[in-house]
Amino acid sequence: MKLNVEANFTDPDAFYASLTDLHRNLDRQQSESANARLILLLANHIGDLTILEEALTIAGEVK
């Protein structure tokens, strides 16, 4: 299995709206904590260490 980096959202605008709604009334520390929890929840859902390491590598690339 390989990390899917192609567009895969059924409704990207709805997801973005939900994500911004999550952060709307949070201070910086709360926002960072919510992001960390979201990352861990999604990583747990994926579960495959190879996929997660690939995602970490891509996320860490400086553009």
C-alpha atoms as a PDB file:
ATOM      1  CA  MET A   1       0.000   0.000   0.000  1.00  0.00           C
ATOM      2  CA  LYS A   2       1.127   3.543  -0.741  1.00  0.00           C
ATOM      3  CA  LEU A   3       0.001   6.903   0.570  1.00  0.00           C
ATOM      4  CA  ASN A   4      -2.674   8.445  -1.641  1.00  0.00           C
ATOM      5  CA  VAL A   5      -1.603  12.015  -2.372  1.00  0.00           C
ATOM      6  CA  GLU A   6      -4.193  12.608  -5.097  1.00  0.00           C
ATOM      7  CA  ALA A   7      -7.354  14.610  -4.379  1.00  0.00           C
ATOM      8  CA  ASN A   8      -9.668  12.206  -2.555  1.00  0.00           C
ATOM      9  CA  PHE A   9     -12.228  14.448  -0.838  1.00  0.00           C
ATOM     10  CA  THR A  10     -15.894  13.960  -1.621  1.00  0.00           C
ATOM     11  CA  ASP A  11     -16.504  17.575  -0.548  1.00  0.00           C
ATOM     12  CA  PRO A  12     -13.276  19.483   0.144  1.00  0.00           C
ATOM     13  CA  ASP A  13     -15.069  22.767   0.834  1.00  0.00           C
ATOM     14  CA  ALA A  14     -17.255  21.161   3.507  1.00  0.00           C
ATOM     15  CA  PHE A  15     -14.202  19.627   5.173  1.00  0.00           C
ATOM     16  CA  TYR A  16     -12.356  22.955   5.126  1.00  0.00           C
ATOM     17  CA  ALA A  17     -15.410  24.676   6.624  1.00  0.00           C
ATOM     18  CA  SER A  18     -15.603  22.058   9.386  1.00  0.00           C
ATOM     19  CA  LEU A  19     -11.887  22.390  10.091  1.00  0.00           C
ATOM     20  CA  THR A  20     -12.038  26.174  10.330  1.00  0.00           C
ATOM     21  CA  ASP A  21     -15.180  25.922  12.496  1.00  0.00           C
ATOM     22  CA  LEU A  22     -13.266  23.644  14.876  1.00  0.00           C
ATOM     23  CA  HIS A  23     -10.613  26.343  15.371  1.00  0.00           C
ATOM     24  CA  ARG A  24     -12.815  29.435  15.290  1.00  0.00           C
ATOM     25  CA  ASN A  25     -13.145  30.037  19.052  1.00  0.00           C
ATOM     26  CA  LEU A  26      -9.932  28.394  20.208  1.00  0.00           C
ATOM     27  CA  ASP A  27      -6.827  30.178  21.403  1.00  0.00           C
ATOM     28  CA  ARG A  28      -3.462  29.163  19.950  1.00  0.00           C
ATOM     29  CA  GLN A  29      -2.735  26.477  22.563  1.00  0.00           C
ATOM     30  CA  GLN A  30      -6.221  24.961  22.212  1.00  0.00           C
ATOM     31  CA  SER A  31      -5.910  25.033  18.422  1.00  0.00           C
ATOM     32  CA  GLU A  32      -2.548  23.259  18.509  1.00  0.00           C
ATOM     33  CA  SER A  33      -3.978  20.679  20.909  1.00  0.00           C
ATOM     34  CA  ALA A  34      -6.983  20.087  18.632  1.00  0.00           C
ATOM     35  CA  ASN A  35      -4.619  19.650  15.660  1.00  0.00           C
ATOM     36  CA  ALA A  36      -2.510  17.152  17.599  1.00  0.00           C
ATOM     37  CA  ARG A  37      -5.587  15.147  18.612  1.00  0.00           C
ATOM     38  CA  LEU A  38      -6.864  15.193  15.022  1.00  0.00           C
ATOM     39  CA  ILE A  39      -3.489  13.967  13.719  1.00  0.00           C
ATOM     40  CA  LEU A  40      -3.427  11.123  16.244  1.00  0.00           C
ATOM     41  CA  LEU A  41      -7.028  10.120  15.501  1.00  0.00           C
ATOM     42  CA  LEU A  42      -6.370  10.010  11.761  1.00  0.00           C
ATOM     43  CA  ALA A  43      -3.040   8.212  12.233  1.00  0.00           C
ATOM     44  CA  ASN A  44      -4.817   5.607  14.349  1.00  0.00           C
ATOM     45  CA  HIS A  45      -7.440   5.209  11.630  1.00  0.00           C
ATOM     46  CA  ILE A  46      -4.730   4.666   9.003  1.00  0.00           C
ATOM     47  CA  GLY A  47      -2.775   2.374  11.291  1.00  0.00           C
ATOM     48  CA  ASP A  48      -0.135   1.307   8.745  1.00  0.00           C
ATOM     49  CA  LEU A  49       3.307   2.490   9.892  1.00  0.00           C
ATOM     50  CA  THR A  50       4.714   2.496   6.349  1.00  0.00           C
ATOM     51  CA  ILE A  51       1.960   4.846   5.176  1.00  0.00           C
ATOM     52  CA  LEU A  52       2.344   7.046   8.236  1.00  0.00           C
ATOM     53  CA  GLU A  53       6.124   7.297   7.775  1.00  0.00           C
ATOM     54  CA  GLU A  54       5.618   8.246   4.136  1.00  0.00           C
ATOM     55  CA  ALA A  55       3.157  10.946   5.203  1.00  0.00           C
ATOM     56  CA  LEU A  56       5.639  12.247   7.804  1.00  0.00           C
ATOM     57  CA  THR A  57       8.377  12.415   5.178  1.00  0.00           C
ATOM     58  CA  ILE A  58       6.189  14.350   2.742  1.00  0.00           C
ATOM     59  CA  ALA A  59       4.885  16.663   5.465  1.00  0.00           C
ATOM     60  CA  GLY A  60       8.430  17.435   6.582  1.00  0.00           C
ATOM     61  CA  GLU A  61       9.685  18.433   3.140  1.00  0.00           C
ATOM     62  CA  VAL A  62      10.575  22.107   3.024  1.00  0.00           C
ATOM     63  CA  LYS A  63       9.034  23.860   0.047  1.00  0.00           C
END
